[in-house]
N, C-alpha and C. Protein backbone atom coordinates (compact mmCIF):
# COMPACT_ATOMS: atom_id res chain seq x y z
N MET A 1 -8.13 -7.81 42.87
CA MET A 1 -8.10 -8.87 41.88
C MET A 1 -7.07 -8.53 40.81
N ALA A 2 -6.10 -9.37 40.61
CA ALA A 2 -5.11 -9.18 39.55
C ALA A 2 -5.63 -9.80 38.26
N PHE A 3 -5.34 -9.15 37.15
CA PHE A 3 -5.74 -9.70 35.87
C PHE A 3 -4.70 -9.35 34.82
N ASP A 4 -4.75 -10.09 33.73
CA ASP A 4 -3.79 -9.93 32.63
C ASP A 4 -4.47 -9.14 31.52
N LEU A 5 -4.06 -7.89 31.36
CA LEU A 5 -4.69 -6.98 30.42
C LEU A 5 -3.62 -6.25 29.62
N VAL A 6 -3.73 -6.27 28.30
CA VAL A 6 -2.82 -5.54 27.44
C VAL A 6 -3.62 -4.72 26.44
N VAL A 7 -2.95 -3.74 25.85
CA VAL A 7 -3.57 -2.85 24.87
C VAL A 7 -2.75 -2.95 23.58
N LYS A 8 -3.47 -3.01 22.44
CA LYS A 8 -2.79 -3.24 21.16
C LYS A 8 -3.61 -2.60 20.04
N ARG A 9 -2.91 -2.06 19.05
CA ARG A 9 -3.61 -1.56 17.85
C ARG A 9 -4.17 -2.74 17.07
N ILE A 10 -5.37 -2.57 16.57
CA ILE A 10 -6.00 -3.66 15.81
C ILE A 10 -5.27 -3.92 14.50
N TYR A 11 -4.46 -2.98 14.06
CA TYR A 11 -3.71 -3.16 12.81
C TYR A 11 -2.50 -4.07 12.98
N GLU A 12 -2.13 -4.35 14.22
CA GLU A 12 -1.06 -5.32 14.46
C GLU A 12 -1.65 -6.72 14.28
N PRO A 13 -0.88 -7.65 13.75
CA PRO A 13 -1.43 -9.00 13.55
C PRO A 13 -1.77 -9.66 14.89
N PRO A 14 -2.81 -10.49 14.89
CA PRO A 14 -3.15 -11.22 16.11
C PRO A 14 -1.98 -12.08 16.55
N GLY A 15 -1.77 -12.14 17.86
CA GLY A 15 -0.70 -12.96 18.40
C GLY A 15 -1.26 -14.16 19.14
N SER A 16 -0.49 -15.21 19.21
CA SER A 16 -0.95 -16.42 19.89
C SER A 16 -1.11 -16.19 21.38
N ASP A 17 -0.50 -15.13 21.90
CA ASP A 17 -0.59 -14.84 23.33
C ASP A 17 -1.56 -13.69 23.65
N ASP A 18 -2.41 -13.32 22.69
CA ASP A 18 -3.34 -12.22 22.91
C ASP A 18 -4.48 -12.55 23.88
N GLY A 19 -4.76 -13.82 24.04
CA GLY A 19 -5.92 -14.18 24.85
C GLY A 19 -7.20 -13.77 24.14
N GLN A 20 -8.14 -13.25 24.89
CA GLN A 20 -9.40 -12.80 24.30
C GLN A 20 -9.21 -11.40 23.73
N ARG A 21 -9.54 -11.25 22.47
CA ARG A 21 -9.33 -9.98 21.77
C ARG A 21 -10.65 -9.20 21.72
N VAL A 22 -10.63 -7.99 22.31
CA VAL A 22 -11.85 -7.19 22.43
C VAL A 22 -11.62 -5.82 21.80
N LEU A 23 -12.37 -5.53 20.75
CA LEU A 23 -12.32 -4.21 20.13
C LEU A 23 -13.17 -3.27 20.97
N VAL A 24 -12.58 -2.14 21.41
CA VAL A 24 -13.28 -1.23 22.30
C VAL A 24 -13.54 0.13 21.63
N ASP A 25 -13.63 0.14 20.32
CA ASP A 25 -13.99 1.34 19.55
C ASP A 25 -15.46 1.26 19.14
N ARG A 26 -16.10 2.41 19.04
CA ARG A 26 -17.50 2.46 18.61
C ARG A 26 -17.61 2.28 17.10
N ILE A 27 -16.56 2.69 16.39
CA ILE A 27 -16.56 2.64 14.92
C ILE A 27 -15.57 1.57 14.47
N TRP A 28 -15.97 0.77 13.47
CA TRP A 28 -15.08 -0.26 12.95
C TRP A 28 -13.87 0.40 12.28
N PRO A 29 -12.65 -0.07 12.57
CA PRO A 29 -11.45 0.53 11.99
C PRO A 29 -11.34 0.30 10.48
N ARG A 30 -10.94 1.35 9.79
CA ARG A 30 -10.80 1.28 8.33
C ARG A 30 -9.76 0.26 7.92
N GLY A 31 -10.08 -0.46 6.85
CA GLY A 31 -9.12 -1.36 6.24
C GLY A 31 -8.92 -2.68 6.95
N VAL A 32 -9.69 -2.95 8.00
CA VAL A 32 -9.55 -4.20 8.74
C VAL A 32 -10.74 -5.10 8.39
N ARG A 33 -10.45 -6.28 7.90
CA ARG A 33 -11.52 -7.24 7.62
C ARG A 33 -11.88 -7.97 8.91
N LYS A 34 -13.17 -8.18 9.11
CA LYS A 34 -13.62 -8.79 10.36
C LYS A 34 -12.96 -10.14 10.61
N LYS A 35 -12.79 -10.93 9.57
CA LYS A 35 -12.19 -12.26 9.78
C LYS A 35 -10.71 -12.16 10.17
N ASP A 36 -10.03 -11.10 9.71
CA ASP A 36 -8.62 -10.92 10.04
C ASP A 36 -8.42 -10.37 11.45
N ALA A 37 -9.45 -9.76 12.02
CA ALA A 37 -9.34 -9.14 13.34
C ALA A 37 -9.28 -10.18 14.45
N ALA A 38 -9.78 -11.38 14.20
CA ALA A 38 -9.76 -12.47 15.17
C ALA A 38 -10.33 -12.01 16.53
N LEU A 39 -11.49 -11.39 16.48
CA LEU A 39 -12.09 -10.85 17.70
C LEU A 39 -12.82 -11.91 18.51
N THR A 40 -12.74 -11.75 19.81
CA THR A 40 -13.61 -12.48 20.71
C THR A 40 -14.92 -11.71 20.83
N LEU A 41 -14.78 -10.37 20.86
CA LEU A 41 -15.94 -9.52 21.10
C LEU A 41 -15.65 -8.11 20.57
N TRP A 42 -16.68 -7.49 20.00
CA TRP A 42 -16.63 -6.07 19.67
C TRP A 42 -17.55 -5.39 20.67
N LEU A 43 -16.97 -4.76 21.67
CA LEU A 43 -17.73 -4.17 22.76
C LEU A 43 -17.89 -2.66 22.51
N LYS A 44 -18.76 -2.33 21.55
CA LYS A 44 -18.99 -0.93 21.16
C LYS A 44 -19.47 -0.09 22.33
N ASP A 45 -20.28 -0.70 23.20
CA ASP A 45 -20.93 0.06 24.27
C ASP A 45 -19.95 0.57 25.33
N ILE A 46 -18.73 0.07 25.34
CA ILE A 46 -17.76 0.54 26.34
C ILE A 46 -16.92 1.71 25.80
N ALA A 47 -17.07 1.99 24.51
CA ALA A 47 -16.33 3.10 23.90
C ALA A 47 -16.87 4.44 24.38
N PRO A 48 -16.06 5.49 24.29
CA PRO A 48 -16.56 6.81 24.65
C PRO A 48 -17.75 7.21 23.78
N SER A 49 -18.60 8.05 24.33
CA SER A 49 -19.74 8.55 23.55
C SER A 49 -19.23 9.28 22.31
N ASP A 50 -20.08 9.39 21.32
CA ASP A 50 -19.69 10.11 20.10
C ASP A 50 -19.29 11.54 20.42
N ASP A 51 -20.04 12.20 21.31
CA ASP A 51 -19.72 13.58 21.66
C ASP A 51 -18.34 13.68 22.29
N LEU A 52 -18.02 12.78 23.21
CA LEU A 52 -16.72 12.82 23.87
C LEU A 52 -15.60 12.49 22.89
N ARG A 53 -15.82 11.50 22.06
CA ARG A 53 -14.81 11.10 21.06
C ARG A 53 -14.51 12.27 20.12
N LYS A 54 -15.55 12.93 19.65
CA LYS A 54 -15.35 14.05 18.73
C LYS A 54 -14.69 15.23 19.44
N TRP A 55 -15.08 15.49 20.67
CA TRP A 55 -14.46 16.59 21.42
C TRP A 55 -12.97 16.33 21.61
N PHE A 56 -12.61 15.12 22.00
CA PHE A 56 -11.21 14.77 22.25
C PHE A 56 -10.38 14.91 20.98
N GLY A 57 -10.83 14.30 19.90
CA GLY A 57 -10.13 14.40 18.63
C GLY A 57 -8.67 13.96 18.67
N HIS A 58 -8.30 13.15 19.65
CA HIS A 58 -6.93 12.66 19.84
C HIS A 58 -5.92 13.81 19.99
N GLU A 59 -6.37 14.88 20.62
CA GLU A 59 -5.50 16.02 20.90
C GLU A 59 -4.81 15.77 22.25
N PRO A 60 -3.50 15.57 22.27
CA PRO A 60 -2.81 15.25 23.53
C PRO A 60 -3.06 16.25 24.66
N GLU A 61 -3.24 17.53 24.33
CA GLU A 61 -3.48 18.51 25.38
C GLU A 61 -4.85 18.34 26.05
N ARG A 62 -5.73 17.57 25.45
CA ARG A 62 -7.04 17.28 26.05
C ARG A 62 -7.07 15.93 26.77
N TRP A 63 -5.93 15.24 26.81
CA TRP A 63 -5.86 13.88 27.34
C TRP A 63 -6.35 13.77 28.79
N ALA A 64 -5.87 14.61 29.67
CA ALA A 64 -6.26 14.51 31.09
C ALA A 64 -7.76 14.71 31.26
N GLU A 65 -8.30 15.70 30.57
CA GLU A 65 -9.75 15.96 30.67
C GLU A 65 -10.55 14.83 30.01
N PHE A 66 -10.04 14.32 28.89
CA PHE A 66 -10.70 13.18 28.24
C PHE A 66 -10.80 12.01 29.20
N GLN A 67 -9.70 11.68 29.87
CA GLN A 67 -9.71 10.55 30.81
C GLN A 67 -10.74 10.76 31.92
N LYS A 68 -10.80 11.96 32.43
CA LYS A 68 -11.75 12.27 33.50
C LYS A 68 -13.19 12.08 33.01
N ARG A 69 -13.49 12.62 31.84
CA ARG A 69 -14.85 12.51 31.29
C ARG A 69 -15.19 11.06 30.93
N TYR A 70 -14.22 10.36 30.38
CA TYR A 70 -14.44 8.96 29.99
C TYR A 70 -14.66 8.09 31.23
N ARG A 71 -13.90 8.33 32.29
CA ARG A 71 -14.11 7.58 33.54
C ARG A 71 -15.52 7.81 34.07
N ALA A 72 -16.01 9.03 33.96
CA ALA A 72 -17.38 9.32 34.40
C ALA A 72 -18.39 8.55 33.55
N GLU A 73 -18.14 8.47 32.25
CA GLU A 73 -19.02 7.67 31.39
C GLU A 73 -18.97 6.20 31.78
N LEU A 74 -17.77 5.70 32.04
CA LEU A 74 -17.62 4.29 32.42
C LEU A 74 -18.31 4.00 33.74
N ASP A 75 -18.23 4.93 34.69
CA ASP A 75 -18.92 4.75 35.98
C ASP A 75 -20.43 4.58 35.78
N GLY A 76 -20.97 5.20 34.74
CA GLY A 76 -22.39 5.08 34.45
C GLY A 76 -22.73 3.99 33.45
N ASN A 77 -21.76 3.18 33.08
CA ASN A 77 -21.94 2.16 32.05
C ASN A 77 -21.67 0.77 32.64
N GLY A 78 -22.40 0.45 33.71
CA GLY A 78 -22.15 -0.78 34.44
C GLY A 78 -22.23 -2.05 33.64
N ASP A 79 -23.17 -2.15 32.70
CA ASP A 79 -23.34 -3.39 31.95
C ASP A 79 -22.10 -3.72 31.12
N ALA A 80 -21.60 -2.75 30.38
CA ALA A 80 -20.43 -3.00 29.52
C ALA A 80 -19.18 -3.26 30.37
N VAL A 81 -19.02 -2.51 31.45
CA VAL A 81 -17.87 -2.72 32.32
C VAL A 81 -17.93 -4.11 32.96
N THR A 82 -19.11 -4.51 33.38
CA THR A 82 -19.30 -5.84 33.98
C THR A 82 -18.98 -6.94 32.96
N GLU A 83 -19.40 -6.73 31.71
CA GLU A 83 -19.13 -7.72 30.66
C GLU A 83 -17.62 -7.87 30.44
N LEU A 84 -16.91 -6.75 30.41
CA LEU A 84 -15.47 -6.80 30.23
C LEU A 84 -14.78 -7.42 31.44
N ARG A 85 -15.22 -7.08 32.63
CA ARG A 85 -14.64 -7.67 33.85
C ARG A 85 -14.84 -9.19 33.87
N ALA A 86 -15.97 -9.66 33.36
CA ALA A 86 -16.22 -11.10 33.30
C ALA A 86 -15.19 -11.78 32.40
N LEU A 87 -14.87 -11.15 31.28
CA LEU A 87 -13.85 -11.71 30.39
C LEU A 87 -12.49 -11.72 31.08
N LEU A 88 -12.18 -10.65 31.81
CA LEU A 88 -10.90 -10.58 32.54
C LEU A 88 -10.79 -11.69 33.58
N GLY A 89 -11.92 -12.09 34.12
CA GLY A 89 -11.93 -13.17 35.10
C GLY A 89 -11.62 -14.53 34.51
N LYS A 90 -11.66 -14.62 33.18
CA LYS A 90 -11.42 -15.89 32.50
C LYS A 90 -10.00 -16.01 31.94
N GLY A 91 -9.21 -14.94 32.05
CA GLY A 91 -7.84 -15.00 31.53
C GLY A 91 -7.45 -13.72 30.83
N LYS A 92 -6.39 -13.80 30.07
CA LYS A 92 -5.81 -12.63 29.42
C LYS A 92 -6.79 -12.00 28.43
N VAL A 93 -6.82 -10.66 28.44
CA VAL A 93 -7.64 -9.89 27.51
C VAL A 93 -6.75 -8.85 26.84
N THR A 94 -6.88 -8.75 25.52
CA THR A 94 -6.20 -7.71 24.76
C THR A 94 -7.25 -6.72 24.28
N LEU A 95 -7.14 -5.47 24.75
CA LEU A 95 -8.02 -4.40 24.30
C LEU A 95 -7.48 -3.86 22.99
N LEU A 96 -8.32 -3.82 21.98
CA LEU A 96 -7.91 -3.39 20.65
C LEU A 96 -8.53 -2.04 20.31
N TYR A 97 -7.77 -1.20 19.63
CA TYR A 97 -8.23 0.11 19.22
C TYR A 97 -7.66 0.43 17.84
N GLY A 98 -8.24 1.41 17.17
CA GLY A 98 -7.79 1.75 15.83
C GLY A 98 -7.00 3.05 15.72
N ALA A 99 -6.96 3.85 16.75
CA ALA A 99 -6.30 5.17 16.69
C ALA A 99 -4.81 5.05 16.36
N HIS A 100 -4.28 6.10 15.76
CA HIS A 100 -2.85 6.14 15.44
C HIS A 100 -2.00 6.38 16.68
N ASP A 101 -2.51 7.20 17.59
CA ASP A 101 -1.76 7.59 18.79
C ASP A 101 -1.81 6.44 19.80
N GLU A 102 -0.66 5.85 20.05
CA GLU A 102 -0.60 4.68 20.94
C GLU A 102 -0.64 5.05 22.42
N ALA A 103 -0.44 6.31 22.74
CA ALA A 103 -0.42 6.74 24.14
C ALA A 103 -1.70 7.43 24.58
N HIS A 104 -2.43 8.03 23.64
CA HIS A 104 -3.61 8.81 23.97
C HIS A 104 -4.82 8.28 23.20
N ASN A 105 -5.43 7.23 23.71
CA ASN A 105 -6.61 6.66 23.07
C ASN A 105 -7.50 6.02 24.12
N ASN A 106 -8.72 5.71 23.74
CA ASN A 106 -9.69 5.20 24.70
C ASN A 106 -9.31 3.85 25.29
N ALA A 107 -8.59 3.00 24.56
CA ALA A 107 -8.19 1.70 25.10
C ALA A 107 -7.19 1.88 26.24
N VAL A 108 -6.27 2.81 26.10
CA VAL A 108 -5.30 3.10 27.17
C VAL A 108 -6.04 3.63 28.39
N ALA A 109 -6.98 4.56 28.16
CA ALA A 109 -7.76 5.12 29.27
C ALA A 109 -8.62 4.04 29.93
N LEU A 110 -9.20 3.16 29.14
CA LEU A 110 -10.02 2.08 29.68
C LEU A 110 -9.18 1.12 30.52
N ALA A 111 -8.00 0.76 30.03
CA ALA A 111 -7.12 -0.13 30.79
C ALA A 111 -6.75 0.49 32.13
N ALA A 112 -6.43 1.79 32.12
CA ALA A 112 -6.09 2.48 33.37
C ALA A 112 -7.29 2.48 34.32
N TYR A 113 -8.46 2.70 33.80
CA TYR A 113 -9.70 2.68 34.59
C TYR A 113 -9.87 1.31 35.26
N LEU A 114 -9.73 0.26 34.48
CA LEU A 114 -9.92 -1.10 35.00
C LEU A 114 -8.87 -1.43 36.07
N ARG A 115 -7.65 -1.00 35.84
CA ARG A 115 -6.58 -1.29 36.81
C ARG A 115 -6.76 -0.55 38.13
N THR A 116 -7.34 0.63 38.08
CA THR A 116 -7.53 1.39 39.32
C THR A 116 -8.82 1.02 40.04
N ARG A 117 -9.65 0.25 39.38
CA ARG A 117 -10.91 -0.16 39.99
C ARG A 117 -11.02 -1.69 40.03
N ALA A 118 -9.90 -2.33 40.24
CA ALA A 118 -9.86 -3.81 40.27
C ALA A 118 -10.55 -4.36 41.50
């Protein structure tokens, strides 16, 4: 199944081509007002566990292991994954995250997970 999925920092302004905007962080990003986020959904339950998030700490050298552990969490999180897949079935979805690192964050790992398990 092909789907239209992009990843974007929540601090970037909403775009008319974002489709459904889904925040995939467990913690609300600092300095962002809920009305300005233009969210379709805040899917906290799909975010990494607090223990995994704290262990990772956005350290690039832990990226490969983080992805492995996060994929294992996602494999056991059928309800949240199913909810996100349902949105993908309706059109474009933009996964939103608050981290500074645009290459090493849970939204990037989640997008890769979804693409390899389409």
